[in-house]
Structures are given as structure tokens and as C-alpha cells.
Amino acid sequence: MNINWFINNYLKHLFVLINICSYFIAKSQSKSIVGIFPTIDHSGKLSKRIDYNFYYFSAFPLLNFKEPNLKQDAEILLFYAEQGLTYHLNKKISFSAAYVFQKEAINILMMTNEHRLHVQSTFKHALKQLNFKHRIRFDNRFVVNWQTGEKPFTHRLRYLIGIETPIKKSIDKLYFTAYQEAFFNTFKSANKVYAENWAYAALGVKLNKSNKLEAGPLYITWDTGNKNWFHQYYLQLSWVSQLDFTRAKQ
């Protein structure tokens, strides 16, 4: 398989999808914004089978596509903090559990807080130079109602498929990564089953054995009801780091 051909075609189809979504946005009442998405992805190897994981990000919308106004549109939409543990059954299969705290619509009156516990299983495999990742996650959510203070319990199932591959064999520090994740509500009172989607593609560089940097487009869409969607186009900038505490024990 030609890796450069695969990457170019993946990016081409991603941008075609974004253009199609943008066309329908202009024809509907759906909202669409563009912004930046700084991310910290940190993990540490505690033993042969157990890792800890921290994943933090903030979503900063900057402009509304229909009537751009930086002074009015710039905001902090999301703050997300995940802390978890992962157990590796073997090189391909792992299981994780995590606690998440999330704030949404931070700089407006109707800010909401969410406490979330999730469990997940991950399966990884390789096809020549392509490294595939399949992840199934079950979210247990307690979203605080900003008016009443109540914390109703809801839940959903998420499926992610991702890839990572070096761009060239001769330049092993550069790589391409991408994923697609669909969200499915599983509680009875949900208005829709399929209500959210994330898609990401980025170029990365390995700085050393412990640190990487990634940059690329992230597309998020939420179902907001009445056949409308909230489309979000971000430039995601990620610092990925991993420590290995087992080396000190050797």
C-alpha cells in the first residue's frame, strides 16, 4: 500500500465531507463556528500491564460562519479533564476506566458542569505500515442542570476507529494520524440515538522518545434538535507525552 496515496486520499475525502456539511449549513438554521482546540494527551507506564492516563482540552470558538464577529463569537465552549487507568491484557487488547469533569459554555450564564465515568476496551492491530485502533467506550453521565441543580443520569455508547502511520520510512519522526468517532445515546428518553460525531486528521512529529506534537483539523458536530446541527471546525494543536516508570526499576 502506498502510504502517501492513502494519506492524500483520506485528507481529500475529509475536506470534501467538510465542504458538503458547509453547504447544508448555509441552507439550514444550523450553527457553524471555527476555532482552536489545544490538547494535552499524557500517559505513564506504571508496570508491564498498567498505565495512567490524563487527557485535557479546551474548545475556543472564534468566529460564526454566517455573521463573523470576533468580539461576539470568541468564547470558551468546553473544558475537559480526564483521568484514567488502563490495563493491557496483551499488546493488542486493553481495558480502561476514567473519571471526566467537563464544563460547557463557560463564559455565559447557562454554563453546565458534567461528571462522567466511562469504561472502554481498545483493540490495536497493524496492516503493513498502518497501525489501526478500534475503541468502544460506554459513558455514564451526570450533567448538572444549571437551573435546578439536578444531576440526571444518562448514558451513551461511542465507537472510534483510528489510524497512525509514518509518512516516510526514511523520516521516522514524521507521522500521520486520524480518527472517526460516532456517539450513540442509549437511554430511553433520548430524542435521537445518533447525536454527535468527531473526525480528526493531523500531521505529527516525534520530538524524542517521550514527546510528540500534532496539528490538524478537528470536525465536531452535535445534534441540537429540530433537524439542526452545531458544526464546529477547529485547528487542534496537541502535545502528546508518555513516561515509562518501569525503566527505573530495571
C-alpha atoms as a PDB file:
ATOM      1  CA  MET A   1       0.000   0.000   0.000  1.00  0.00           C
ATOM      2  CA  ASN A   2       1.295   3.470  -0.927  1.00  0.00           C
ATOM      3  CA  ILE A   3       1.163   5.458   2.322  1.00  0.00           C
ATOM      4  CA  ASN A   4       1.331   8.892   0.700  1.00  0.00           C
ATOM      5  CA  TRP A   5      -1.550   7.940  -1.614  1.00  0.00           C
ATOM      6  CA  PHE A   6      -3.595   6.764   1.394  1.00  0.00           C
ATOM      7  CA  ILE A   7      -2.944   9.966   3.363  1.00  0.00           C
ATOM      8  CA  ASN A   8      -3.733  12.232   0.406  1.00  0.00           C
ATOM      9  CA  ASN A   9      -6.990  10.405  -0.287  1.00  0.00           C
ATOM     10  CA  TYR A  10      -8.004  10.426   3.389  1.00  0.00           C
ATOM     11  CA  LEU A  11      -7.458  14.187   3.601  1.00  0.00           C
ATOM     12  CA  LYS A  12      -9.266  14.753   0.294  1.00  0.00           C
ATOM     13  CA  HIS A  13     -12.349  12.863   1.474  1.00  0.00           C
ATOM     14  CA  LEU A  14     -12.255  14.640   4.847  1.00  0.00           C
ATOM     15  CA  PHE A  15     -12.271  18.073   3.211  1.00  0.00           C
ATOM     16  CA  VAL A  16     -14.991  17.006   0.752  1.00  0.00           C
ATOM     17  CA  LEU A  17     -17.115  15.996   3.759  1.00  0.00           C
ATOM     18  CA  ILE A  18     -16.453  19.362   5.424  1.00  0.00           C
ATOM     19  CA  ASN A  19     -17.444  21.232   2.228  1.00  0.00           C
ATOM     20  CA  ILE A  20     -20.660  19.229   1.921  1.00  0.00           C
ATOM     21  CA  CYS A  21     -21.522  19.967   5.554  1.00  0.00           C
ATOM     22  CA  SER A  22     -20.798  23.654   4.995  1.00  0.00           C
ATOM     23  CA  TYR A  23     -23.222  23.719   2.025  1.00  0.00           C
ATOM     24  CA  PHE A  24     -26.051  22.280   4.105  1.00  0.00           C
ATOM     25  CA  ILE A  25     -25.209  24.650   6.952  1.00  0.00           C
ATOM     26  CA  ALA A  26     -25.856  27.611   4.660  1.00  0.00           C
ATOM     27  CA  LYS A  27     -29.235  26.102   3.697  1.00  0.00           C
ATOM     28  CA  SER A  28     -30.407  25.433   7.261  1.00  0.00           C
ATOM     29  CA  GLN A  29     -30.698  27.003  10.682  1.00  0.00           C
ATOM     30  CA  SER A  30     -27.705  25.002  11.897  1.00  0.00           C
ATOM     31  CA  LYS A  31     -24.927  26.920  13.571  1.00  0.00           C
ATOM     32  CA  SER A  32     -21.319  26.687  12.426  1.00  0.00           C
ATOM     33  CA  ILE A  33     -18.185  28.036  14.074  1.00  0.00           C
ATOM     34  CA  VAL A  34     -14.406  27.886  13.586  1.00  0.00           C
ATOM     35  CA  GLY A  35     -11.788  27.996  16.333  1.00  0.00           C
ATOM     36  CA  ILE A  36      -8.780  26.400  18.023  1.00  0.00           C
ATOM     37  CA  PHE A  37      -8.562  23.287  20.192  1.00  0.00           C
ATOM     38  CA  PRO A  38      -5.431  22.989  22.400  1.00  0.00           C
ATOM     39  CA  THR A  39      -4.962  19.484  23.820  1.00  0.00           C
ATOM     40  CA  ILE A  40      -2.696  17.683  26.291  1.00  0.00           C
ATOM     41  CA  ASP A  41      -2.534  13.887  25.995  1.00  0.00           C
ATOM     42  CA  HIS A  42      -0.302  12.411  28.718  1.00  0.00           C
ATOM     43  CA  SER A  43       0.191   8.854  29.899  1.00  0.00           C
ATOM     44  CA  GLY A  44       2.653   6.958  32.029  1.00  0.00           C
ATOM     45  CA  LYS A  45       3.630   3.307  32.203  1.00  0.00           C
ATOM     46  CA  LEU A  46       3.471   2.150  35.843  1.00  0.00           C
ATOM     47  CA  SER A  47       4.079  -1.537  35.210  1.00  0.00           C
ATOM     48  CA  LYS A  48       4.148  -4.045  32.366  1.00  0.00           C
ATOM     49  CA  ARG A  49       0.350  -4.009  32.164  1.00  0.00           C
ATOM     50  CA  ILE A  50      -0.879  -0.814  33.876  1.00  0.00           C
ATOM     51  CA  ASP A  51      -0.783   2.803  32.594  1.00  0.00           C
ATOM     52  CA  TYR A  52      -2.250   6.012  33.944  1.00  0.00           C
ATOM     53  CA  ASN A  53      -3.804   8.500  31.504  1.00  0.00           C
ATOM     54  CA  PHE A  54      -4.530  12.242  31.557  1.00  0.00           C
ATOM     55  CA  TYR A  55      -6.377  13.893  28.660  1.00  0.00           C
ATOM     56  CA  TYR A  56      -7.186  17.627  28.786  1.00  0.00           C
ATOM     57  CA  PHE A  57      -8.550  20.001  26.167  1.00  0.00           C
ATOM     58  CA  SER A  58     -10.358  23.306  25.720  1.00  0.00           C
ATOM     59  CA  ALA A  59     -12.513  24.343  22.762  1.00  0.00           C
ATOM     60  CA  PHE A  60     -12.220  28.005  21.759  1.00  0.00           C
ATOM     61  CA  PRO A  61     -14.730  29.061  19.052  1.00  0.00           C
ATOM     62  CA  LEU A  62     -13.561  32.292  17.397  1.00  0.00           C
ATOM     63  CA  LEU A  63     -15.961  33.046  14.535  1.00  0.00           C
ATOM     64  CA  ASN A  64     -19.506  32.219  13.477  1.00  0.00           C
ATOM     65  CA  PHE A  65     -19.548  31.383   9.752  1.00  0.00           C
ATOM     66  CA  LYS A  66     -22.802  33.197   8.927  1.00  0.00           C
ATOM     67  CA  GLU A  67     -22.111  36.545  10.615  1.00  0.00           C
ATOM     68  CA  PRO A  68     -18.467  36.623  11.724  1.00  0.00           C
ATOM     69  CA  ASN A  69     -17.785  38.912  14.671  1.00  0.00           C
ATOM     70  CA  LEU A  70     -14.687  38.138  16.717  1.00  0.00           C
ATOM     71  CA  LYS A  71     -15.777  40.266  19.688  1.00  0.00           C
ATOM     72  CA  GLN A  72     -19.114  38.462  19.994  1.00  0.00           C
ATOM     73  CA  ASP A  73     -18.162  34.968  18.809  1.00  0.00           C
ATOM     74  CA  ALA A  74     -14.929  34.330  20.735  1.00  0.00           C
ATOM     75  CA  GLU A  75     -15.652  32.180  23.783  1.00  0.00           C
ATOM     76  CA  ILE A  76     -14.582  29.131  25.764  1.00  0.00           C
ATOM     77  CA  LEU A  77     -17.091  26.464  24.794  1.00  0.00           C
ATOM     78  CA  LEU A  78     -15.618  23.427  26.566  1.00  0.00           C
ATOM     79  CA  PHE A  79     -13.107  22.477  29.217  1.00  0.00           C
ATOM     80  CA  TYR A  80     -12.489  18.741  29.538  1.00  0.00           C
ATOM     81  CA  ALA A  81     -10.344  16.902  32.108  1.00  0.00           C
ATOM     82  CA  GLU A  82      -9.997  13.103  32.015  1.00  0.00           C
ATOM     83  CA  GLN A  83      -8.075  10.949  34.494  1.00  0.00           C
ATOM     84  CA  GLY A  84      -7.905   7.212  33.967  1.00  0.00           C
ATOM     85  CA  LEU A  85      -6.153   3.866  34.308  1.00  0.00           C
ATOM     86  CA  THR A  86      -5.530   1.303  31.569  1.00  0.00           C
ATOM     87  CA  TYR A  87      -4.896  -2.423  31.894  1.00  0.00           C
ATOM     88  CA  HIS A  88      -3.121  -4.102  28.942  1.00  0.00           C
ATOM     89  CA  LEU A  89      -4.269  -7.680  28.508  1.00  0.00           C
ATOM     90  CA  ASN A  90      -1.679  -8.097  25.761  1.00  0.00           C
ATOM     91  CA  LYS A  91      -0.096  -5.980  23.005  1.00  0.00           C
ATOM     92  CA  LYS A  92      -3.394  -5.697  21.106  1.00  0.00           C
ATOM     93  CA  ILE A  93      -6.152  -5.542  23.727  1.00  0.00           C
ATOM     94  CA  SER A  94      -6.565  -3.150  26.657  1.00  0.00           C
ATOM     95  CA  PHE A  95      -9.286  -2.052  29.076  1.00  0.00           C
ATOM     96  CA  SER A  96      -9.654   1.378  30.676  1.00  0.00           C
ATOM     97  CA  ALA A  97     -11.720   3.252  33.228  1.00  0.00           C
ATOM     98  CA  ALA A  98     -11.735   7.008  33.781  1.00  0.00           C
ATOM     99  CA  TYR A  99     -13.378   9.936  35.542  1.00  0.00           C
ATOM    100  CA  VAL A 100     -14.130  13.050  33.470  1.00  0.00           C
ATOM    101  CA  PHE A 101     -15.058  16.543  34.565  1.00  0.00           C
ATOM    102  CA  GLN A 102     -16.400  18.821  31.810  1.00  0.00           C
ATOM    103  CA  LYS A 103     -17.605  22.417  31.721  1.00  0.00           C
ATOM    104  CA  GLU A 104     -19.670  23.645  28.761  1.00  0.00           C
ATOM    105  CA  ALA A 105     -20.495  27.232  27.710  1.00  0.00           C
ATOM    106  CA  ILE A 106     -18.064  28.564  30.294  1.00  0.00           C
ATOM    107  CA  ASN A 107     -18.408  32.305  29.737  1.00  0.00           C
ATOM    108  CA  ILE A 108     -22.213  32.521  29.566  1.00  0.00           C
ATOM    109  CA  LEU A 109     -24.891  32.329  32.270  1.00  0.00           C
ATOM    110  CA  MET A 110     -26.180  28.869  31.247  1.00  0.00           C
ATOM    111  CA  MET A 111     -22.870  27.096  31.955  1.00  0.00           C
ATOM    112  CA  THR A 112     -23.232  23.370  32.674  1.00  0.00           C
ATOM    113  CA  ASN A 113     -20.995  21.004  34.611  1.00  0.00           C
ATOM    114  CA  GLU A 114     -20.762  17.305  33.853  1.00  0.00           C
ATOM    115  CA  HIS A 115     -19.350  14.439  35.905  1.00  0.00           C
ATOM    116  CA  ARG A 116     -18.693  11.356  33.823  1.00  0.00           C
ATOM    117  CA  LEU A 117     -17.407   7.837  34.413  1.00  0.00           C
ATOM    118  CA  HIS A 118     -16.529   5.726  31.427  1.00  0.00           C
ATOM    119  CA  VAL A 119     -15.229   2.245  30.724  1.00  0.00           C
ATOM    120  CA  GLN A 120     -13.762   1.183  27.402  1.00  0.00           C
ATOM    121  CA  SER A 121     -11.987  -1.557  25.504  1.00  0.00           C
ATOM    122  CA  THR A 122      -9.382  -0.963  22.794  1.00  0.00           C
ATOM    123  CA  PHE A 123      -8.103  -3.265  20.086  1.00  0.00           C
ATOM    124  CA  LYS A 124      -4.983  -2.406  18.044  1.00  0.00           C
ATOM    125  CA  HIS A 125      -3.561  -4.138  15.012  1.00  0.00           C
ATOM    126  CA  ALA A 126      -1.226  -3.374  12.119  1.00  0.00           C
ATOM    127  CA  LEU A 127      -1.533  -3.709   8.352  1.00  0.00           C
ATOM    128  CA  LYS A 128       1.904  -3.150   6.857  1.00  0.00           C
ATOM    129  CA  GLN A 129       2.769   0.423   7.920  1.00  0.00           C
ATOM    130  CA  LEU A 130      -0.755   1.290   9.041  1.00  0.00           C
ATOM    131  CA  ASN A 131      -1.471   0.967  12.756  1.00  0.00           C
ATOM    132  CA  PHE A 132      -5.218   0.657  13.416  1.00  0.00           C
ATOM    133  CA  LYS A 133      -7.067   1.405  16.644  1.00  0.00           C
ATOM    134  CA  HIS A 134     -10.650   0.381  17.463  1.00  0.00           C
ATOM    135  CA  ARG A 135     -12.196   1.697  20.677  1.00  0.00           C
ATOM    136  CA  ILE A 136     -15.611   1.091  22.246  1.00  0.00           C
ATOM    137  CA  ARG A 137     -16.470   3.370  25.175  1.00  0.00           C
ATOM    138  CA  PHE A 138     -19.515   3.448  27.441  1.00  0.00           C
ATOM    139  CA  ASP A 139     -20.164   6.849  29.050  1.00  0.00           C
ATOM    140  CA  ASN A 140     -22.056   7.174  32.343  1.00  0.00           C
ATOM    141  CA  ARG A 141     -23.043  10.837  32.532  1.00  0.00           C
ATOM    142  CA  PHE A 142     -24.296  13.144  35.282  1.00  0.00           C
ATOM    143  CA  VAL A 143     -24.983  16.535  33.669  1.00  0.00           C
ATOM    144  CA  VAL A 144     -25.849  19.232  36.205  1.00  0.00           C
ATOM    145  CA  ASN A 145     -28.984  21.217  35.291  1.00  0.00           C
ATOM    146  CA  TRP A 146     -27.901  24.868  35.612  1.00  0.00           C
ATOM    147  CA  GLN A 147     -31.419  25.956  36.653  1.00  0.00           C
ATOM    148  CA  THR A 148     -32.378  23.280  39.199  1.00  0.00           C
ATOM    149  CA  GLY A 149     -29.031  21.803  40.236  1.00  0.00           C
ATOM    150  CA  GLU A 150     -30.308  18.284  39.500  1.00  0.00           C
ATOM    151  CA  LYS A 151     -27.932  15.675  38.040  1.00  0.00           C
ATOM    152  CA  PRO A 152     -29.968  13.281  35.856  1.00  0.00           C
ATOM    153  CA  PHE A 153     -28.176  10.090  34.838  1.00  0.00           C
ATOM    154  CA  THR A 154     -27.791   9.370  31.108  1.00  0.00           C
ATOM    155  CA  HIS A 155     -25.521   7.088  29.136  1.00  0.00           C
ATOM    156  CA  ARG A 156     -24.220   6.557  25.617  1.00  0.00           C
ATOM    157  CA  LEU A 157     -22.041   4.255  23.524  1.00  0.00           C
ATOM    158  CA  ARG A 158     -19.144   5.521  21.420  1.00  0.00           C
ATOM    159  CA  TYR A 159     -17.153   3.805  18.668  1.00  0.00           C
ATOM    160  CA  LEU A 160     -13.819   5.150  17.426  1.00  0.00           C
ATOM    161  CA  ILE A 161     -11.664   3.903  14.571  1.00  0.00           C
ATOM    162  CA  GLY A 162      -8.234   5.475  14.157  1.00  0.00           C
ATOM    163  CA  ILE A 163      -5.021   5.069  12.209  1.00  0.00           C
ATOM    164  CA  GLU A 164      -1.406   6.131  12.559  1.00  0.00           C
ATOM    165  CA  THR A 165       1.412   5.656  10.068  1.00  0.00           C
ATOM    166  CA  PRO A 166       4.880   7.046   9.353  1.00  0.00           C
ATOM    167  CA  ILE A 167       4.896   9.393   6.374  1.00  0.00           C
ATOM    168  CA  LYS A 168       8.207   8.085   5.037  1.00  0.00           C
ATOM    169  CA  LYS A 169      10.382   5.177   6.086  1.00  0.00           C
ATOM    170  CA  SER A 170      13.446   7.386   5.824  1.00  0.00           C
ATOM    171  CA  ILE A 171      11.927  10.040   8.139  1.00  0.00           C
ATOM    172  CA  ASP A 172      10.560   8.054  11.075  1.00  0.00           C
ATOM    173  CA  LYS A 173       9.955  11.199  13.164  1.00  0.00           C
ATOM    174  CA  LEU A 174       7.054  12.365  10.976  1.00  0.00           C
ATOM    175  CA  TYR A 175       3.717  10.572  11.006  1.00  0.00           C
ATOM    176  CA  PHE A 176       0.072  10.916  10.009  1.00  0.00           C
ATOM    177  CA  THR A 177      -2.802  10.170  12.399  1.00  0.00           C
ATOM    178  CA  ALA A 178      -6.584  10.305  12.071  1.00  0.00           C
ATOM    179  CA  TYR A 179      -9.755   9.039  13.693  1.00  0.00           C
ATOM    180  CA  GLN A 180     -13.529   8.968  13.300  1.00  0.00           C
ATOM    181  CA  GLU A 181     -15.799   8.606  16.344  1.00  0.00           C
ATOM    182  CA  ALA A 182     -19.578   8.232  16.425  1.00  0.00           C
ATOM    183  CA  PHE A 183     -21.717   8.772  19.564  1.00  0.00           C
ATOM    184  CA  PHE A 184     -24.968   6.860  20.235  1.00  0.00           C
ATOM    185  CA  ASN A 185     -27.387   7.679  23.049  1.00  0.00           C
ATOM    186  CA  THR A 186     -28.571   4.541  24.865  1.00  0.00           C
ATOM    187  CA  PHE A 187     -31.018   5.925  27.449  1.00  0.00           C
ATOM    188  CA  LYS A 188     -34.790   5.620  26.824  1.00  0.00           C
ATOM    189  CA  SER A 189     -35.758   9.310  26.822  1.00  0.00           C
ATOM    190  CA  ALA A 190     -33.132  10.351  24.239  1.00  0.00           C
ATOM    191  CA  ASN A 191     -34.542  12.428  21.374  1.00  0.00           C
ATOM    192  CA  LYS A 192     -32.067  10.846  18.938  1.00  0.00           C
ATOM    193  CA  VAL A 193     -29.799   7.820  19.048  1.00  0.00           C
ATOM    194  CA  TYR A 194     -27.056   9.203  16.807  1.00  0.00           C
ATOM    195  CA  ALA A 195     -26.410  12.707  18.133  1.00  0.00           C
ATOM    196  CA  GLU A 196     -22.711  13.533  17.886  1.00  0.00           C
ATOM    197  CA  ASN A 197     -19.652  12.889  15.716  1.00  0.00           C
ATOM    198  CA  TRP A 198     -15.938  13.747  15.836  1.00  0.00           C
ATOM    199  CA  ALA A 199     -13.426  13.466  12.970  1.00  0.00           C
ATOM    200  CA  TYR A 200      -9.718  14.324  13.168  1.00  0.00           C
ATOM    201  CA  ALA A 201      -6.681  14.251  10.884  1.00  0.00           C
ATOM    202  CA  ALA A 202      -3.224  15.549  11.755  1.00  0.00           C
ATOM    203  CA  LEU A 203       0.469  15.521  10.990  1.00  0.00           C
ATOM    204  CA  GLY A 204       2.738  14.703  13.908  1.00  0.00           C
ATOM    205  CA  VAL A 205       6.410  14.932  14.769  1.00  0.00           C
ATOM    206  CA  LYS A 206       8.246  12.832  17.351  1.00  0.00           C
ATOM    207  CA  LEU A 207      10.473  15.164  19.347  1.00  0.00           C
ATOM    208  CA  ASN A 208      12.034  12.342  21.367  1.00  0.00           C
ATOM    209  CA  LYS A 209      11.038   9.024  22.971  1.00  0.00           C
ATOM    210  CA  SER A 210       8.597  10.734  25.320  1.00  0.00           C
ATOM    211  CA  ASN A 211       7.115  13.698  23.447  1.00  0.00           C
ATOM    212  CA  LYS A 212       5.218  14.353  20.212  1.00  0.00           C
ATOM    213  CA  LEU A 213       3.442  17.341  18.699  1.00  0.00           C
ATOM    214  CA  GLU A 214       0.409  17.134  16.378  1.00  0.00           C
ATOM    215  CA  ALA A 215      -1.545  19.693  14.368  1.00  0.00           C
ATOM    216  CA  GLY A 216      -4.559  19.240  12.122  1.00  0.00           C
ATOM    217  CA  PRO A 217      -8.296  19.817  11.547  1.00  0.00           C
ATOM    218  CA  LEU A 218     -10.897  18.561  14.012  1.00  0.00           C
ATOM    219  CA  TYR A 219     -14.564  18.482  12.977  1.00  0.00           C
ATOM    220  CA  ILE A 220     -17.243  18.113  15.684  1.00  0.00           C
ATOM    221  CA  THR A 221     -20.981  18.141  15.135  1.00  0.00           C
ATOM    222  CA  TRP A 222     -23.792  17.994  17.727  1.00  0.00           C
ATOM    223  CA  ASP A 223     -27.490  17.406  17.136  1.00  0.00           C
ATOM    224  CA  THR A 224     -29.298  20.431  18.632  1.00  0.00           C
ATOM    225  CA  GLY A 225     -32.845  19.306  17.749  1.00  0.00           C
ATOM    226  CA  ASN A 226     -35.380  20.203  15.029  1.00  0.00           C
ATOM    227  CA  LYS A 227     -33.051  18.772  12.361  1.00  0.00           C
ATOM    228  CA  ASN A 228     -30.365  21.323  13.240  1.00  0.00           C
ATOM    229  CA  TRP A 229     -26.730  20.618  13.998  1.00  0.00           C
ATOM    230  CA  PHE A 230     -23.978  22.597  15.688  1.00  0.00           C
ATOM    231  CA  HIS A 231     -20.943  22.236  13.386  1.00  0.00           C
ATOM    232  CA  GLN A 232     -17.543  23.041  14.855  1.00  0.00           C
ATOM    233  CA  TYR A 233     -14.324  23.319  12.833  1.00  0.00           C
ATOM    234  CA  TYR A 234     -11.164  23.545  14.904  1.00  0.00           C
ATOM    235  CA  LEU A 235      -7.442  23.591  14.427  1.00  0.00           C
ATOM    236  CA  GLN A 236      -6.338  21.066  17.038  1.00  0.00           C
ATOM    237  CA  LEU A 237      -2.848  21.540  18.495  1.00  0.00           C
ATOM    238  CA  SER A 238      -1.763  18.596  20.644  1.00  0.00           C
ATOM    239  CA  TRP A 239       1.133  17.798  22.937  1.00  0.00           C
ATOM    240  CA  VAL A 240       1.382  14.031  23.383  1.00  0.00           C
ATOM    241  CA  SER A 241       3.709  12.729  26.071  1.00  0.00           C
ATOM    242  CA  GLN A 242       4.405   9.346  27.623  1.00  0.00           C
ATOM    243  CA  LEU A 243       6.639   8.425  30.533  1.00  0.00           C
ATOM    244  CA  ASP A 244       7.904   4.949  31.383  1.00  0.00           C
ATOM    245  CA  PHE A 245       8.436   4.477  35.115  1.00  0.00           C
ATOM    246  CA  THR A 246       9.316   0.803  34.658  1.00  0.00           C
ATOM    247  CA  ARG A 247      12.720   1.720  33.250  1.00  0.00           C
ATOM    248  CA  ALA A 248      13.876   2.994  36.624  1.00  0.00           C
ATOM    249  CA  LYS A 249      13.066  -0.404  38.158  1.00  0.00           C
ATOM    250  CA  GLN A 250      15.184  -2.344  35.660  1.00  0.00           C
END
